[in-house]
Amino acid sequence: MRFIYPAIIHDDTDGLWIEFPDLEYTSSTGDTLTELLQNAREAMELFILGALEDGEILATPSAIRDFPITDSTYSTLVECDVDLAKNTKSVKKTLTIPAWLNERALAKNLNFSQILQEALIEKTI
């Protein structure tokens, strides 16, 4: 599942660091802008996975234009694609669907688990 949150990049005497105002206590550092953004994406993924596993509701992303810009800060958007099936503990569920729907889904090689996860996440976040 794809998530996009605004972040504030700080470029000061200590170097580059980034914070996510909507994701409490989530920040990262990097020696280069590329490294900073890679580390930011990883920090964001870990925060989101932990929050979802703990049953927390994720904050709605703020508008990027709401963050002030100074001489040493600027705003950006950070995107991550969290594969919840790979990164969390899974449980087995049994469900019932109409036979005709099962046949159509199988004919299209659809991944039932992935589709169900995405639908449930959308309904619960």
PDB file of N, CA and C in Angstrom:
ATOM      1  N   MET A   1       0.846  -1.165   0.000  1.00  0.00           N
ATOM      2  CA  MET A   1       0.000   0.000   0.000  1.00  0.00           C
ATOM      3  C   MET A   1       0.897   1.236   0.000  1.00  0.00           C
ATOM      4  N   ARG A   2       0.526   2.201  -0.793  1.00  0.00           N
ATOM      5  CA  ARG A   2       1.336   3.403  -0.961  1.00  0.00           C
ATOM      6  C   ARG A   2       0.883   4.501   0.011  1.00  0.00           C
ATOM      7  N   PHE A   3       1.873   5.133   0.641  1.00  0.00           N
ATOM      8  CA  PHE A   3       1.632   6.247   1.560  1.00  0.00           C
ATOM      9  C   PHE A   3       2.499   7.423   1.131  1.00  0.00           C
ATOM     10  N   ILE A   4       1.965   8.627   1.259  1.00  0.00           N
ATOM     11  CA  ILE A   4       2.716   9.845   0.963  1.00  0.00           C
ATOM     12  C   ILE A   4       2.484  10.826   2.109  1.00  0.00           C
ATOM     13  N   TYR A   5       3.574  11.292   2.712  1.00  0.00           N
ATOM     14  CA  TYR A   5       3.498  12.277   3.796  1.00  0.00           C
ATOM     15  C   TYR A   5       4.469  13.420   3.528  1.00  0.00           C
ATOM     16  N   PRO A   6       4.100  14.625   3.950  1.00  0.00           N
ATOM     17  CA  PRO A   6       5.022  15.747   3.827  1.00  0.00           C
ATOM     18  C   PRO A   6       6.107  15.657   4.893  1.00  0.00           C
ATOM     19  N   ALA A   7       7.251  16.203   4.562  1.00  0.00           N
ATOM     20  CA  ALA A   7       8.383  16.215   5.494  1.00  0.00           C
ATOM     21  C   ALA A   7       9.100  17.554   5.371  1.00  0.00           C
ATOM     22  N   ILE A   8       9.816  17.886   6.424  1.00  0.00           N
ATOM     23  CA  ILE A   8      10.607  19.121   6.421  1.00  0.00           C
ATOM     24  C   ILE A   8      12.076  18.733   6.464  1.00  0.00           C
ATOM     25  N   ILE A   9      12.814  19.184   5.462  1.00  0.00           N
ATOM     26  CA  ILE A   9      14.256  18.943   5.401  1.00  0.00           C
ATOM     27  C   ILE A   9      14.964  20.131   6.037  1.00  0.00           C
ATOM     28  N   HIS A  10      15.890  19.817   6.925  1.00  0.00           N
ATOM     29  CA  HIS A  10      16.695  20.848   7.590  1.00  0.00           C
ATOM     30  C   HIS A  10      18.131  20.714   7.095  1.00  0.00           C
ATOM     31  N   ASP A  11      18.700  21.824   6.687  1.00  0.00           N
ATOM     32  CA  ASP A  11      20.090  21.864   6.238  1.00  0.00           C
ATOM     33  C   ASP A  11      20.787  22.898   7.105  1.00  0.00           C
ATOM     34  N   ASP A  12      21.372  22.429   8.211  1.00  0.00           N
ATOM     35  CA  ASP A  12      21.989  23.361   9.151  1.00  0.00           C
ATOM     36  C   ASP A  12      23.429  22.951   9.466  1.00  0.00           C
ATOM     37  N   THR A  13      24.020  23.545  10.473  1.00  0.00           N
ATOM     38  CA  THR A  13      25.426  23.283  10.794  1.00  0.00           C
ATOM     39  C   THR A  13      25.680  21.834  11.180  1.00  0.00           C
ATOM     40  N   ASP A  14      24.653  21.129  11.636  1.00  0.00           N
ATOM     41  CA  ASP A  14      24.800  19.717  11.993  1.00  0.00           C
ATOM     42  C   ASP A  14      24.669  18.796  10.786  1.00  0.00           C
ATOM     43  N   GLY A  15      24.292  19.330   9.635  1.00  0.00           N
ATOM     44  CA  GLY A  15      24.115  18.524   8.439  1.00  0.00           C
ATOM     45  C   GLY A  15      22.656  18.444   8.024  1.00  0.00           C
ATOM     46  N   LEU A  16      22.332  17.424   7.252  1.00  0.00           N
ATOM     47  CA  LEU A  16      20.977  17.234   6.754  1.00  0.00           C
ATOM     48  C   LEU A  16      20.176  16.329   7.685  1.00  0.00           C
ATOM     49  N   TRP A  17      18.959  16.765   8.009  1.00  0.00           N
ATOM     50  CA  TRP A  17      18.037  15.901   8.737  1.00  0.00           C
ATOM     51  C   TRP A  17      16.620  16.226   8.293  1.00  0.00           C
ATOM     52  N   ILE A  18      15.739  15.272   8.495  1.00  0.00           N
ATOM     53  CA  ILE A  18      14.367  15.394   8.013  1.00  0.00           C
ATOM     54  C   ILE A  18      13.405  14.960   9.108  1.00  0.00           C
ATOM     55  N   GLU A  19      12.258  15.623   9.154  1.00  0.00           N
ATOM     56  CA  GLU A  19      11.239  15.253  10.137  1.00  0.00           C
ATOM     57  C   GLU A  19       9.881  15.191   9.456  1.00  0.00           C
ATOM     58  N   PHE A  20       9.011  14.350  10.020  1.00  0.00           N
ATOM     59  CA  PHE A  20       7.642  14.189   9.535  1.00  0.00           C
ATOM     60  C   PHE A  20       6.692  14.750  10.594  1.00  0.00           C
ATOM     61  N   PRO A  21       6.165  15.947  10.402  1.00  0.00           N
ATOM     62  CA  PRO A  21       5.272  16.528  11.404  1.00  0.00           C
ATOM     63  C   PRO A  21       4.031  15.689  11.697  1.00  0.00           C
ATOM     64  N   ASP A  22       3.550  14.928  10.721  1.00  0.00           N
ATOM     65  CA  ASP A  22       2.344  14.118  10.923  1.00  0.00           C
ATOM     66  C   ASP A  22       2.625  12.759  11.549  1.00  0.00           C
ATOM     67  N   LEU A  23       3.885  12.354  11.595  1.00  0.00           N
ATOM     68  CA  LEU A  23       4.255  11.045  12.126  1.00  0.00           C
ATOM     69  C   LEU A  23       5.118  11.270  13.372  1.00  0.00           C
ATOM     70  N   GLU A  24       4.487  11.251  14.504  1.00  0.00           N
ATOM     71  CA  GLU A  24       5.105  11.635  15.773  1.00  0.00           C
ATOM     72  C   GLU A  24       6.469  10.980  16.010  1.00  0.00           C
ATOM     73  N   TYR A  25       7.452  11.808  16.304  1.00  0.00           N
ATOM     74  CA  TYR A  25       8.821  11.387  16.634  1.00  0.00           C
ATOM     75  C   TYR A  25       9.542  10.683  15.487  1.00  0.00           C
ATOM     76  N   THR A  26       9.104  10.882  14.245  1.00  0.00           N
ATOM     77  CA  THR A  26       9.753  10.225  13.119  1.00  0.00           C
ATOM     78  C   THR A  26      10.658  11.221  12.413  1.00  0.00           C
ATOM     79  N   SER A  27      11.936  10.881  12.374  1.00  0.00           N
ATOM     80  CA  SER A  27      12.923  11.731  11.713  1.00  0.00           C
ATOM     81  C   SER A  27      14.084  10.853  11.262  1.00  0.00           C
ATOM     82  N   SER A  28      14.978  11.446  10.482  1.00  0.00           N
ATOM     83  CA  SER A  28      16.140  10.710  10.011  1.00  0.00           C
ATOM     84  C   SER A  28      17.226  11.697   9.595  1.00  0.00           C
ATOM     85  N   THR A  29      18.400  11.161   9.308  1.00  0.00           N
ATOM     86  CA  THR A  29      19.527  11.984   8.869  1.00  0.00           C
ATOM     87  C   THR A  29      20.150  11.354   7.628  1.00  0.00           C
ATOM     88  N   GLY A  30      21.066  12.082   7.014  1.00  0.00           N
ATOM     89  CA  GLY A  30      21.796  11.560   5.868  1.00  0.00           C
ATOM     90  C   GLY A  30      22.919  12.503   5.496  1.00  0.00           C
ATOM     91  N   ASP A  31      23.991  11.946   4.952  1.00  0.00           N
ATOM     92  CA  ASP A  31      25.134  12.760   4.530  1.00  0.00           C
ATOM     93  C   ASP A  31      24.879  13.462   3.203  1.00  0.00           C
ATOM     94  N   THR A  32      24.027  12.860   2.362  1.00  0.00           N
ATOM     95  CA  THR A  32      23.665  13.459   1.073  1.00  0.00           C
ATOM     96  C   THR A  32      22.149  13.515   0.999  1.00  0.00           C
ATOM     97  N   LEU A  33      21.637  14.287   0.059  1.00  0.00           N
ATOM     98  CA  LEU A  33      20.192  14.370  -0.103  1.00  0.00           C
ATOM     99  C   LEU A  33      19.608  13.007  -0.480  1.00  0.00           C
ATOM    100  N   THR A  34      20.296  12.266  -1.330  1.00  0.00           N
ATOM    101  CA  THR A  34      19.825  10.930  -1.714  1.00  0.00           C
ATOM    102  C   THR A  34      19.752  10.017  -0.506  1.00  0.00           C
ATOM    103  N   GLU A  35      20.801  10.000   0.286  1.00  0.00           N
ATOM    104  CA  GLU A  35      20.817   9.162   1.490  1.00  0.00           C
ATOM    105  C   GLU A  35      19.738   9.605   2.465  1.00  0.00           C
ATOM    106  N   LEU A  36      19.572  10.903   2.618  1.00  0.00           N
ATOM    107  CA  LEU A  36      18.554  11.444   3.525  1.00  0.00           C
ATOM    108  C   LEU A  36      17.164  10.955   3.136  1.00  0.00           C
ATOM    109  N   LEU A  37      16.833  11.040   1.858  1.00  0.00           N
ATOM    110  CA  LEU A  37      15.502  10.631   1.409  1.00  0.00           C
ATOM    111  C   LEU A  37      15.305   9.121   1.503  1.00  0.00           C
ATOM    112  N   GLN A  38      16.356   8.346   1.254  1.00  0.00           N
ATOM    113  CA  GLN A  38      16.258   6.893   1.430  1.00  0.00           C
ATOM    114  C   GLN A  38      16.020   6.549   2.898  1.00  0.00           C
ATOM    115  N   ASN A  39      16.767   7.198   3.782  1.00  0.00           N
ATOM    116  CA  ASN A  39      16.596   6.952   5.214  1.00  0.00           C
ATOM    117  C   ASN A  39      15.225   7.423   5.698  1.00  0.00           C
ATOM    118  N   ALA A  40      14.739   8.528   5.143  1.00  0.00           N
ATOM    119  CA  ALA A  40      13.425   9.050   5.506  1.00  0.00           C
ATOM    120  C   ALA A  40      12.335   8.055   5.114  1.00  0.00           C
ATOM    121  N   ARG A  41      12.448   7.497   3.926  1.00  0.00           N
ATOM    122  CA  ARG A  41      11.469   6.515   3.455  1.00  0.00           C
ATOM    123  C   ARG A  41      11.447   5.305   4.386  1.00  0.00           C
ATOM    124  N   GLU A  42      12.621   4.843   4.782  1.00  0.00           N
ATOM    125  CA  GLU A  42      12.700   3.692   5.684  1.00  0.00           C
ATOM    126  C   GLU A  42      12.088   4.022   7.047  1.00  0.00           C
ATOM    127  N   ALA A  43      12.380   5.199   7.577  1.00  0.00           N
ATOM    128  CA  ALA A  43      11.819   5.606   8.873  1.00  0.00           C
ATOM    129  C   ALA A  43      10.297   5.692   8.791  1.00  0.00           C
ATOM    130  N   MET A  44       9.795   6.211   7.686  1.00  0.00           N
ATOM    131  CA  MET A  44       8.359   6.331   7.492  1.00  0.00           C
ATOM    132  C   MET A  44       7.709   4.945   7.425  1.00  0.00           C
ATOM    133  N   GLU A  45       8.311   4.024   6.690  1.00  0.00           N
ATOM    134  CA  GLU A  45       7.792   2.659   6.594  1.00  0.00           C
ATOM    135  C   GLU A  45       7.715   2.003   7.971  1.00  0.00           C
ATOM    136  N   LEU A  46       8.785   2.136   8.745  1.00  0.00           N
ATOM    137  CA  LEU A  46       8.812   1.526  10.077  1.00  0.00           C
ATOM    138  C   LEU A  46       7.740   2.125  10.978  1.00  0.00           C
ATOM    139  N   PHE A  47       7.560   3.445  10.916  1.00  0.00           N
ATOM    140  CA  PHE A  47       6.532   4.084  11.723  1.00  0.00           C
ATOM    141  C   PHE A  47       5.149   3.563  11.335  1.00  0.00           C
ATOM    142  N   ILE A  48       4.869   3.525  10.035  1.00  0.00           N
ATOM    143  CA  ILE A  48       3.548   3.101   9.560  1.00  0.00           C
ATOM    144  C   ILE A  48       3.273   1.651   9.938  1.00  0.00           C
ATOM    145  N   LEU A  49       4.242   0.775   9.725  1.00  0.00           N
ATOM    146  CA  LEU A  49       4.062  -0.636  10.093  1.00  0.00           C
ATOM    147  C   LEU A  49       3.788  -0.783  11.584  1.00  0.00           C
ATOM    148  N   GLY A  50       4.564  -0.098  12.398  1.00  0.00           N
ATOM    149  CA  GLY A  50       4.369  -0.176  13.844  1.00  0.00           C
ATOM    150  C   GLY A  50       3.006   0.350  14.271  1.00  0.00           C
ATOM    151  N   ALA A  51       2.604   1.468  13.695  1.00  0.00           N
ATOM    152  CA  ALA A  51       1.307   2.052  14.044  1.00  0.00           C
ATOM    153  C   ALA A  51       0.165   1.115  13.659  1.00  0.00           C
ATOM    154  N   LEU A  52       0.231   0.548  12.462  1.00  0.00           N
ATOM    155  CA  LEU A  52      -0.833  -0.350  12.029  1.00  0.00           C
ATOM    156  C   LEU A  52      -0.872  -1.620  12.868  1.00  0.00           C
ATOM    157  N   GLU A  53       0.293  -2.169  13.186  1.00  0.00           N
ATOM    158  CA  GLU A  53       0.330  -3.369  14.029  1.00  0.00           C
ATOM    159  C   GLU A  53      -0.214  -3.099  15.420  1.00  0.00           C
ATOM    160  N   ASP A  54      -0.038  -1.874  15.913  1.00  0.00           N
ATOM    161  CA  ASP A  54      -0.530  -1.511  17.240  1.00  0.00           C
ATOM    162  C   ASP A  54      -1.988  -1.054  17.225  1.00  0.00           C
ATOM    163  N   GLY A  55      -2.610  -1.087  16.046  1.00  0.00           N
ATOM    164  CA  GLY A  55      -4.014  -0.707  15.947  1.00  0.00           C
ATOM    165  C   GLY A  55      -4.265   0.786  15.950  1.00  0.00           C
ATOM    166  N   GLU A  56      -3.231   1.566  15.720  1.00  0.00           N
ATOM    167  CA  GLU A  56      -3.379   3.024  15.719  1.00  0.00           C
ATOM    168  C   GLU A  56      -3.938   3.502  14.386  1.00  0.00           C
ATOM    169  N   ILE A  57      -4.597   4.633  14.431  1.00  0.00           N
ATOM    170  CA  ILE A  57      -5.096   5.275  13.222  1.00  0.00           C
ATOM    171  C   ILE A  57      -4.020   6.239  12.736  1.00  0.00           C
ATOM    172  N   LEU A  58      -3.654   6.155  11.476  1.00  0.00           N
ATOM    173  CA  LEU A  58      -2.640   7.050  10.919  1.00  0.00           C
ATOM    174  C   LEU A  58      -3.222   8.446  10.723  1.00  0.00           C
ATOM    175  N   ALA A  59      -2.405   9.442  10.961  1.00  0.00           N
ATOM    176  CA  ALA A  59      -2.814  10.827  10.754  1.00  0.00           C
ATOM    177  C   ALA A  59      -3.030  11.083   9.270  1.00  0.00           C
ATOM    178  N   THR A  60      -3.992  11.922   8.976  1.00  0.00           N
ATOM    179  CA  THR A  60      -4.181  12.361   7.599  1.00  0.00           C
ATOM    180  C   THR A  60      -3.010  13.265   7.236  1.00  0.00           C
ATOM    181  N   PRO A  61      -2.380  13.046   6.098  1.00  0.00           N
ATOM    182  CA  PRO A  61      -1.241  13.906   5.728  1.00  0.00           C
ATOM    183  C   PRO A  61      -1.653  15.372   5.623  1.00  0.00           C
ATOM    184  N   SER A  62      -0.844  16.229   6.200  1.00  0.00           N
ATOM    185  CA  SER A  62      -1.060  17.674   6.106  1.00  0.00           C
ATOM    186  C   SER A  62      -0.758  18.144   4.690  1.00  0.00           C
ATOM    187  N   ALA A  63      -1.264  19.301   4.371  1.00  0.00           N
ATOM    188  CA  ALA A  63      -0.932  19.913   3.073  1.00  0.00           C
ATOM    189  C   ALA A  63       0.497  20.432   3.146  1.00  0.00           C
ATOM    190  N   ILE A  64       1.276  20.158   2.136  1.00  0.00           N
ATOM    191  CA  ILE A  64       2.684  20.566   2.138  1.00  0.00           C
ATOM    192  C   ILE A  64       2.819  22.083   2.221  1.00  0.00           C
ATOM    193  N   ARG A  65       1.850  22.806   1.702  1.00  0.00           N
ATOM    194  CA  ARG A  65       1.911  24.275   1.722  1.00  0.00           C
ATOM    195  C   ARG A  65       1.737  24.843   3.132  1.00  0.00           C
ATOM    196  N   ASP A  66       1.330  24.004   4.101  1.00  0.00           N
ATOM    197  CA  ASP A  66       1.126  24.474   5.472  1.00  0.00           C
ATOM    198  C   ASP A  66       2.423  24.599   6.270  1.00  0.00           C
ATOM    199  N   PHE A  67       3.532  24.129   5.698  1.00  0.00           N
ATOM    200  CA  PHE A  67       4.793  24.160   6.433  1.00  0.00           C
ATOM    201  C   PHE A  67       5.625  25.368   6.025  1.00  0.00           C
ATOM    202  N   PRO A  68       6.080  26.130   7.017  1.00  0.00           N
ATOM    203  CA  PRO A  68       6.887  27.319   6.696  1.00  0.00           C
ATOM    204  C   PRO A  68       8.261  26.935   6.146  1.00  0.00           C
ATOM    205  N   ILE A  69       8.752  27.756   5.251  1.00  0.00           N
ATOM    206  CA  ILE A  69      10.074  27.544   4.669  1.00  0.00           C
ATOM    207  C   ILE A  69      10.984  28.669   5.150  1.00  0.00           C
ATOM    208  N   THR A  70      12.200  28.315   5.548  1.00  0.00           N
ATOM    209  CA  THR A  70      13.184  29.306   5.981  1.00  0.00           C
ATOM    210  C   THR A  70      14.427  29.154   5.117  1.00  0.00           C
ATOM    211  N   ASP A  71      15.470  29.884   5.486  1.00  0.00           N
ATOM    212  CA  ASP A  71      16.724  29.775   4.735  1.00  0.00           C
ATOM    213  C   ASP A  71      17.361  28.398   4.858  1.00  0.00           C
ATOM    214  N   SER A  72      17.056  27.683   5.943  1.00  0.00           N
ATOM    215  CA  SER A  72      17.703  26.392   6.155  1.00  0.00           C
ATOM    216  C   SER A  72      16.723  25.218   6.156  1.00  0.00           C
ATOM    217  N   THR A  73      15.455  25.447   5.811  1.00  0.00           N
ATOM    218  CA  THR A  73      14.490  24.352   5.749  1.00  0.00           C
ATOM    219  C   THR A  73      13.675  24.441   4.462  1.00  0.00           C
ATOM    220  N   TYR A  74      13.212  23.299   4.016  1.00  0.00           N
ATOM    221  CA  TYR A  74      12.283  23.263   2.900  1.00  0.00           C
ATOM    222  C   TYR A  74      11.445  21.997   2.996  1.00  0.00           C
ATOM    223  N   SER A  75      10.269  22.061   2.381  1.00  0.00           N
ATOM    224  CA  SER A  75       9.313  20.959   2.451  1.00  0.00           C
ATOM    225  C   SER A  75       9.461  20.042   1.252  1.00  0.00           C
ATOM    226  N   THR A  76       9.105  18.790   1.468  1.00  0.00           N
ATOM    227  CA  THR A  76       9.084  17.809   0.394  1.00  0.00           C
ATOM    228  C   THR A  76       8.034  16.767   0.724  1.00  0.00           C
ATOM    229  N   LEU A  77       7.713  15.946  -0.236  1.00  0.00           N
ATOM    230  CA  LEU A  77       6.842  14.797  -0.008  1.00  0.00           C
ATOM    231  C   LEU A  77       7.692  13.538  -0.063  1.00  0.00           C
ATOM    232  N   VAL A  78       7.401  12.608   0.835  1.00  0.00           N
ATOM    233  CA  VAL A  78       8.106  11.328   0.851  1.00  0.00           C
ATOM    234  C   VAL A  78       7.064  10.237   0.653  1.00  0.00           C
ATOM    235  N   GLU A  79       7.377   9.329  -0.249  1.00  0.00           N
ATOM    236  CA  GLU A  79       6.459   8.247  -0.581  1.00  0.00           C
ATOM    237  C   GLU A  79       7.094   6.916  -0.206  1.00  0.00           C
ATOM    238  N   CYS A  80       6.264   6.020   0.295  1.00  0.00           N
ATOM    239  CA  CYS A  80       6.739   4.656   0.520  1.00  0.00           C
ATOM    240  C   CYS A  80       5.625   3.694   0.137  1.00  0.00           C
ATOM    241  N   ASP A  81       6.025   2.514  -0.246  1.00  0.00           N
ATOM    242  CA  ASP A  81       5.088   1.467  -0.611  1.00  0.00           C
ATOM    243  C   ASP A  81       5.294   0.340   0.383  1.00  0.00           C
ATOM    244  N   VAL A  82       4.378   0.203   1.311  1.00  0.00           N
ATOM    245  CA  VAL A  82       4.517  -0.759   2.392  1.00  0.00           C
ATOM    246  C   VAL A  82       3.813  -2.055   2.004  1.00  0.00           C
ATOM    247  N   ASP A  83       4.573  -3.124   1.922  1.00  0.00           N
ATOM    248  CA  ASP A  83       4.011  -4.442   1.638  1.00  0.00           C
ATOM    249  C   ASP A  83       3.714  -5.093   2.979  1.00  0.00           C
ATOM    250  N   LEU A  84       2.480  -4.963   3.410  1.00  0.00           N
ATOM    251  CA  LEU A  84       2.111  -5.442   4.733  1.00  0.00           C
ATOM    252  C   LEU A  84       2.203  -6.957   4.861  1.00  0.00           C
ATOM    253  N   ALA A  85       2.066  -7.668   3.785  1.00  0.00           N
ATOM    254  CA  ALA A  85       2.159  -9.124   3.842  1.00  0.00           C
ATOM    255  C   ALA A  85       3.576  -9.580   4.159  1.00  0.00           C
ATOM    256  N   LYS A  86       4.584  -8.844   3.700  1.00  0.00           N
ATOM    257  CA  LYS A  86       5.974  -9.236   3.923  1.00  0.00           C
ATOM    258  C   LYS A  86       6.509  -8.778   5.265  1.00  0.00           C
ATOM    259  N   ASN A  87       6.020  -7.674   5.765  1.00  0.00           N
ATOM    260  CA  ASN A  87       6.668  -7.036   6.901  1.00  0.00           C
ATOM    261  C   ASN A  87       5.949  -7.188   8.236  1.00  0.00           C
ATOM    262  N   THR A  88       4.863  -7.919   8.270  1.00  0.00           N
ATOM    263  CA  THR A  88       4.136  -8.079   9.526  1.00  0.00           C
ATOM    264  C   THR A  88       3.761  -9.538   9.722  1.00  0.00           C
ATOM    265  N   LYS A  89       3.376  -9.840  10.924  1.00  0.00           N
ATOM    266  CA  LYS A  89       2.903 -11.186  11.234  1.00  0.00           C
ATOM    267  C   LYS A  89       1.568 -11.395  10.522  1.00  0.00           C
ATOM    268  N   SER A  90       1.386 -12.540   9.919  1.00  0.00           N
ATOM    269  CA  SER A  90       0.154 -12.824   9.198  1.00  0.00           C
ATOM    270  C   SER A  90      -0.701 -13.834   9.955  1.00  0.00           C
ATOM    271  N   VAL A  91      -2.004 -13.768   9.730  1.00  0.00           N
ATOM    272  CA  VAL A  91      -2.935 -14.748  10.273  1.00  0.00           C
ATOM    273  C   VAL A  91      -3.759 -15.292   9.118  1.00  0.00           C
ATOM    274  N   LYS A  92      -4.152 -16.538   9.239  1.00  0.00           N
ATOM    275  CA  LYS A  92      -4.929 -17.178   8.178  1.00  0.00           C
ATOM    276  C   LYS A  92      -6.410 -16.935   8.438  1.00  0.00           C
ATOM    277  N   LYS A  93      -7.127 -16.564   7.374  1.00  0.00           N
ATOM    278  CA  LYS A  93      -8.565 -16.344   7.449  1.00  0.00           C
ATOM    279  C   LYS A  93      -9.243 -17.165   6.375  1.00  0.00           C
ATOM    280  N   THR A  94     -10.427 -17.620   6.653  1.00  0.00           N
ATOM    281  CA  THR A  94     -11.237 -18.328   5.673  1.00  0.00           C
ATOM    282  C   THR A  94     -12.415 -17.441   5.330  1.00  0.00           C
ATOM    283  N   LEU A  95     -12.731 -17.352   4.038  1.00  0.00           N
ATOM    284  CA  LEU A  95     -13.860 -16.524   3.641  1.00  0.00           C
ATOM    285  C   LEU A  95     -14.642 -17.213   2.545  1.00  0.00           C
ATOM    286  N   THR A  96     -15.838 -16.713   2.314  1.00  0.00           N
ATOM    287  CA  THR A  96     -16.708 -17.282   1.308  1.00  0.00           C
ATOM    288  C   THR A  96     -17.054 -16.201   0.290  1.00  0.00           C
ATOM    289  N   ILE A  97     -16.913 -16.559  -0.992  1.00  0.00           N
ATOM    290  CA  ILE A  97     -17.293 -15.644  -2.069  1.00  0.00           C
ATOM    291  C   ILE A  97     -18.125 -16.430  -3.082  1.00  0.00           C
ATOM    292  N   PRO A  98     -18.901 -15.755  -3.913  1.00  0.00           N
ATOM    293  CA  PRO A  98     -19.685 -16.465  -4.933  1.00  0.00           C
ATOM    294  C   PRO A  98     -18.769 -17.203  -5.916  1.00  0.00           C
ATOM    295  N   ALA A  99     -19.222 -18.348  -6.384  1.00  0.00           N
ATOM    296  CA  ALA A  99     -18.425 -19.173  -7.298  1.00  0.00           C
ATOM    297  C   ALA A  99     -18.066 -18.415  -8.568  1.00  0.00           C
ATOM    298  N   TRP A 100     -19.013 -17.664  -9.120  1.00  0.00           N
ATOM    299  CA  TRP A 100     -18.746 -16.930 -10.358  1.00  0.00           C
ATOM    300  C   TRP A 100     -17.633 -15.909 -10.165  1.00  0.00           C
ATOM    301  N   LEU A 101     -17.589 -15.261  -8.970  1.00  0.00           N
ATOM    302  CA  LEU A 101     -16.551 -14.275  -8.696  1.00  0.00           C
ATOM    303  C   LEU A 101     -15.193 -14.960  -8.544  1.00  0.00           C
ATOM    304  N   ASN A 102     -15.177 -16.104  -7.900  1.00  0.00           N
ATOM    305  CA  ASN A 102     -13.951 -16.870  -7.753  1.00  0.00           C
ATOM    306  C   ASN A 102     -13.388 -17.249  -9.128  1.00  0.00           C
ATOM    307  N   GLU A 103     -14.258 -17.723 -10.036  1.00  0.00           N
ATOM    308  CA  GLU A 103     -13.815 -18.123 -11.367  1.00  0.00           C
ATOM    309  C   GLU A 103     -13.228 -16.944 -12.145  1.00  0.00           C
ATOM    310  N   ARG A 104     -13.877 -15.802 -12.076  1.00  0.00           N
ATOM    311  CA  ARG A 104     -13.363 -14.613 -12.782  1.00  0.00           C
ATOM    312  C   ARG A 104     -12.019 -14.174 -12.216  1.00  0.00           C
ATOM    313  N   ALA A 105     -11.911 -14.182 -10.899  1.00  0.00           N
ATOM    314  CA  ALA A 105     -10.659 -13.764 -10.262  1.00  0.00           C
ATOM    315  C   ALA A 105      -9.519 -14.721 -10.606  1.00  0.00           C
ATOM    316  N   LEU A 106      -9.807 -16.014 -10.589  1.00  0.00           N
ATOM    317  CA  LEU A 106      -8.779 -16.996 -10.946  1.00  0.00           C
ATOM    318  C   LEU A 106      -8.358 -16.837 -12.403  1.00  0.00           C
ATOM    319  N   ALA A 107      -9.302 -16.558 -13.280  1.00  0.00           N
ATOM    320  CA  ALA A 107      -8.995 -16.381 -14.700  1.00  0.00           C
ATOM    321  C   ALA A 107      -8.073 -15.188 -14.931  1.00  0.00           C
ATOM    322  N   LYS A 108      -8.156 -14.198 -14.046  1.00  0.00           N
ATOM    323  CA  LYS A 108      -7.306 -13.007 -14.174  1.00  0.00           C
ATOM    324  C   LYS A 108      -6.048 -13.097 -13.308  1.00  0.00           C
ATOM    325  N   ASN A 109      -5.819 -14.257 -12.691  1.00  0.00           N
ATOM    326  CA  ASN A 109      -4.649 -14.476 -11.822  1.00  0.00           C
ATOM    327  C   ASN A 109      -4.549 -13.424 -10.722  1.00  0.00           C
ATOM    328  N   LEU A 110      -5.678 -13.071 -10.134  1.00  0.00           N
ATOM    329  CA  LEU A 110      -5.679 -12.071  -9.059  1.00  0.00           C
ATOM    330  C   LEU A 110      -5.187 -12.695  -7.758  1.00  0.00           C
ATOM    331  N   ASN A 111      -4.489 -11.903  -6.975  1.00  0.00           N
ATOM    332  CA  ASN A 111      -3.982 -12.333  -5.671  1.00  0.00           C
ATOM    333  C   ASN A 111      -5.043 -11.990  -4.626  1.00  0.00           C
ATOM    334  N   PHE A 112      -5.781 -12.993  -4.163  1.00  0.00           N
ATOM    335  CA  PHE A 112      -6.880 -12.784  -3.230  1.00  0.00           C
ATOM    336  C   PHE A 112      -6.414 -12.116  -1.936  1.00  0.00           C
ATOM    337  N   SER A 113      -5.308 -12.586  -1.384  1.00  0.00           N
ATOM    338  CA  SER A 113      -4.809 -12.042  -0.121  1.00  0.00           C
ATOM    339  C   SER A 113      -4.449 -10.572  -0.249  1.00  0.00           C
ATOM    340  N   GLN A 114      -3.772 -10.221  -1.318  1.00  0.00           N
ATOM    341  CA  GLN A 114      -3.361  -8.833  -1.519  1.00  0.00           C
ATOM    342  C   GLN A 114      -4.575  -7.919  -1.672  1.00  0.00           C
ATOM    343  N   ILE A 115      -5.544  -8.349  -2.461  1.00  0.00           N
ATOM    344  CA  ILE A 115      -6.739  -7.531  -2.681  1.00  0.00           C
ATOM    345  C   ILE A 115      -7.519  -7.348  -1.382  1.00  0.00           C
ATOM    346  N   LEU A 116      -7.663  -8.420  -0.611  1.00  0.00           N
ATOM    347  CA  LEU A 116      -8.379  -8.320   0.659  1.00  0.00           C
ATOM    348  C   LEU A 116      -7.637  -7.399   1.622  1.00  0.00           C
ATOM    349  N   GLN A 117      -6.322  -7.538   1.689  1.00  0.00           N
ATOM    350  CA  GLN A 117      -5.534  -6.670   2.570  1.00  0.00           C
ATOM    351  C   GLN A 117      -5.698  -5.212   2.189  1.00  0.00           C
ATOM    352  N   GLU A 118      -5.574  -4.908   0.900  1.00  0.00           N
ATOM    353  CA  GLU A 118      -5.693  -3.526   0.450  1.00  0.00           C
ATOM    354  C   GLU A 118      -7.072  -2.959   0.769  1.00  0.00           C
ATOM    355  N   ALA A 119      -8.108  -3.759   0.554  1.00  0.00           N
ATOM    356  CA  ALA A 119      -9.475  -3.289   0.853  1.00  0.00           C
ATOM    357  C   ALA A 119      -9.662  -3.061   2.350  1.00  0.00           C
ATOM    358  N   LEU A 120      -9.158  -3.979   3.170  1.00  0.00           N
ATOM    359  CA  LEU A 120      -9.305  -3.822   4.615  1.00  0.00           C
ATOM    360  C   LEU A 120      -8.514  -2.625   5.138  1.00  0.00           C
ATOM    361  N   ILE A 121      -7.333  -2.415   4.604  1.00  0.00           N
ATOM    362  CA  ILE A 121      -6.532  -1.263   5.022  1.00  0.00           C
ATOM    363  C   ILE A 121      -7.255   0.024   4.665  1.00  0.00           C
ATOM    364  N   GLU A 122      -7.782   0.087   3.453  1.00  0.00           N
ATOM    365  CA  GLU A 122      -8.500   1.291   3.025  1.00  0.00           C
ATOM    366  C   GLU A 122      -9.698   1.575   3.923  1.00  0.00           C
ATOM    367  N   LYS A 123     -10.369   0.542   4.372  1.00  0.00           N
ATOM    368  CA  LYS A 123     -11.551   0.704   5.234  1.00  0.00           C
ATOM    369  C   LYS A 123     -11.188   1.036   6.681  1.00  0.00           C
ATOM    370  N   THR A 124      -9.963   0.673   7.106  1.00  0.00           N
ATOM    371  CA  THR A 124      -9.605   0.853   8.509  1.00  0.00           C
ATOM    372  C   THR A 124      -8.656   2.000   8.786  1.00  0.00           C
ATOM    373  N   ILE A 125      -8.096   2.589   7.777  1.00  0.00           N
ATOM    374  CA  ILE A 125      -7.153   3.687   8.007  1.00  0.00           C
ATOM    375  C   ILE A 125      -7.880   5.004   7.980  1.00  0.00           C
TER     376      ILE A 125
END
